Amino acid sequence: MNWGIVLTIQVIVWLIVIVEWKQLKKLSRKGKVLFSSLLLISVIFSFLNLETLAGPRTVLDQIFGPLGDILE
């Protein structure tokens, strides 16, 4: 985990909130929840090292690979 990237994402998220504060006040509750959840997801992803995570194909092969061997 690179703490520089995490800190940069945090600064960017706070800048987005500061810039969008006036429009955020006007939004409905659903809009505020959506805005907050998207920013929260980006913060969570900043903690993960996405370059080393397995892709969806690898995950599906690990789940269904043994099942295919059993069915053959």
C-alpha atoms as a PDB file:
ATOM      1  CA  MET A   1       0.000   0.000   0.000  1.00  0.00           C
ATOM      2  CA  ASN A   2       1.379   3.345  -1.009  1.00  0.00           C
ATOM      3  CA  TRP A   3       0.443   5.954   1.594  1.00  0.00           C
ATOM      4  CA  GLY A   4       1.153   8.786  -0.810  1.00  0.00           C
ATOM      5  CA  ILE A   5      -1.625   7.615  -3.106  1.00  0.00           C
ATOM      6  CA  VAL A   6      -4.026   7.193  -0.174  1.00  0.00           C
ATOM      7  CA  LEU A   7      -3.272  10.692   1.077  1.00  0.00           C
ATOM      8  CA  THR A   8      -3.674  12.136  -2.434  1.00  0.00           C
ATOM      9  CA  ILE A   9      -7.082  10.470  -2.824  1.00  0.00           C
ATOM     10  CA  GLN A  10      -8.143  11.851   0.556  1.00  0.00           C
ATOM     11  CA  VAL A  11      -7.144  15.380  -0.467  1.00  0.00           C
ATOM     12  CA  ILE A  12      -8.971  15.038  -3.796  1.00  0.00           C
ATOM     13  CA  VAL A  13     -12.132  13.767  -2.057  1.00  0.00           C
ATOM     14  CA  TRP A  14     -12.105  16.727   0.350  1.00  0.00           C
ATOM     15  CA  LEU A  15     -11.572  19.150  -2.535  1.00  0.00           C
ATOM     16  CA  ILE A  16     -14.546  17.637  -4.360  1.00  0.00           C
ATOM     17  CA  VAL A  17     -16.716  18.033  -1.244  1.00  0.00           C
ATOM     18  CA  ILE A  18     -15.612  21.645  -0.756  1.00  0.00           C
ATOM     19  CA  VAL A  19     -16.231  22.581  -4.397  1.00  0.00           C
ATOM     20  CA  GLU A  20     -19.607  20.809  -4.586  1.00  0.00           C
ATOM     21  CA  TRP A  21     -20.886  21.943  -1.158  1.00  0.00           C
ATOM     22  CA  LYS A  22     -23.497  24.397  -2.504  1.00  0.00           C
ATOM     23  CA  GLN A  23     -24.955  21.858  -4.942  1.00  0.00           C
ATOM     24  CA  LEU A  24     -24.775  19.180  -2.277  1.00  0.00           C
ATOM     25  CA  LYS A  25     -27.001  21.220   0.058  1.00  0.00           C
ATOM     26  CA  LYS A  26     -29.684  21.401  -2.662  1.00  0.00           C
ATOM     27  CA  LEU A  27     -29.727  17.660  -3.350  1.00  0.00           C
ATOM     28  CA  SER A  28     -32.321  15.294  -1.972  1.00  0.00           C
ATOM     29  CA  ARG A  29     -31.413  12.670   0.592  1.00  0.00           C
ATOM     30  CA  LYS A  30     -30.936  10.063  -2.147  1.00  0.00           C
ATOM     31  CA  GLY A  31     -28.574  12.359  -4.004  1.00  0.00           C
ATOM     32  CA  LYS A  32     -26.518  13.003  -0.899  1.00  0.00           C
ATOM     33  CA  VAL A  33     -26.300   9.284  -0.132  1.00  0.00           C
ATOM     34  CA  LEU A  34     -25.250   8.537  -3.711  1.00  0.00           C
ATOM     35  CA  PHE A  35     -22.613  11.269  -3.698  1.00  0.00           C
ATOM     36  CA  SER A  36     -21.248  10.109  -0.342  1.00  0.00           C
ATOM     37  CA  SER A  37     -21.212   6.445  -1.311  1.00  0.00           C
ATOM     38  CA  LEU A  38     -19.309   7.114  -4.538  1.00  0.00           C
ATOM     39  CA  LEU A  39     -16.689   9.091  -2.659  1.00  0.00           C
ATOM     40  CA  LEU A  40     -16.494   6.401   0.026  1.00  0.00           C
ATOM     41  CA  ILE A  41     -15.960   3.692  -2.605  1.00  0.00           C
ATOM     42  CA  SER A  42     -13.101   5.683  -4.102  1.00  0.00           C
ATOM     43  CA  VAL A  43     -11.504   6.025  -0.650  1.00  0.00           C
ATOM     44  CA  ILE A  44     -11.838   2.276  -0.021  1.00  0.00           C
ATOM     45  CA  PHE A  45     -10.308   1.470  -3.412  1.00  0.00           C
ATOM     46  CA  SER A  46      -7.377   3.749  -2.602  1.00  0.00           C
ATOM     47  CA  PHE A  47      -6.454   1.360   0.231  1.00  0.00           C
ATOM     48  CA  LEU A  48      -6.405  -1.676  -2.075  1.00  0.00           C
ATOM     49  CA  ASN A  49      -3.506  -2.557  -4.317  1.00  0.00           C
ATOM     50  CA  LEU A  50      -5.579  -3.166  -7.437  1.00  0.00           C
ATOM     51  CA  GLU A  51      -2.560  -4.046  -9.565  1.00  0.00           C
ATOM     52  CA  THR A  52      -2.003  -7.298  -7.679  1.00  0.00           C
ATOM     53  CA  LEU A  53      -5.625  -8.370  -7.223  1.00  0.00           C
ATOM     54  CA  ALA A  54      -6.876 -11.242  -9.333  1.00  0.00           C
ATOM     55  CA  GLY A  55      -9.208 -10.385 -12.162  1.00  0.00           C
ATOM     56  CA  PRO A  56     -12.772 -11.633 -12.532  1.00  0.00           C
ATOM     57  CA  ARG A  57     -11.685 -14.421 -14.893  1.00  0.00           C
ATOM     58  CA  THR A  58      -9.274 -15.819 -12.311  1.00  0.00           C
ATOM     59  CA  VAL A  59     -11.905 -15.691  -9.571  1.00  0.00           C
ATOM     60  CA  LEU A  60     -14.448 -17.521 -11.747  1.00  0.00           C
ATOM     61  CA  ASP A  61     -11.862 -20.159 -12.663  1.00  0.00           C
ATOM     62  CA  GLN A  62     -11.100 -20.730  -8.980  1.00  0.00           C
ATOM     63  CA  ILE A  63     -14.792 -21.050  -8.128  1.00  0.00           C
ATOM     64  CA  PHE A  64     -15.970 -23.150 -11.052  1.00  0.00           C
ATOM     65  CA  GLY A  65     -12.727 -24.976 -11.919  1.00  0.00           C
ATOM     66  CA  PRO A  66     -13.215 -27.800  -9.409  1.00  0.00           C
ATOM     67  CA  LEU A  67     -16.876 -28.038 -10.382  1.00  0.00           C
ATOM     68  CA  GLY A  68     -15.876 -28.593 -14.019  1.00  0.00           C
ATOM     69  CA  ASP A  69     -13.478 -31.348 -12.983  1.00  0.00           C
ATOM     70  CA  ILE A  70     -16.227 -33.063 -11.012  1.00  0.00           C
ATOM     71  CA  LEU A  71     -18.691 -32.894 -13.904  1.00  0.00           C
ATOM     72  CA  GLU A  72     -16.194 -34.422 -16.370  1.00  0.00           C
END
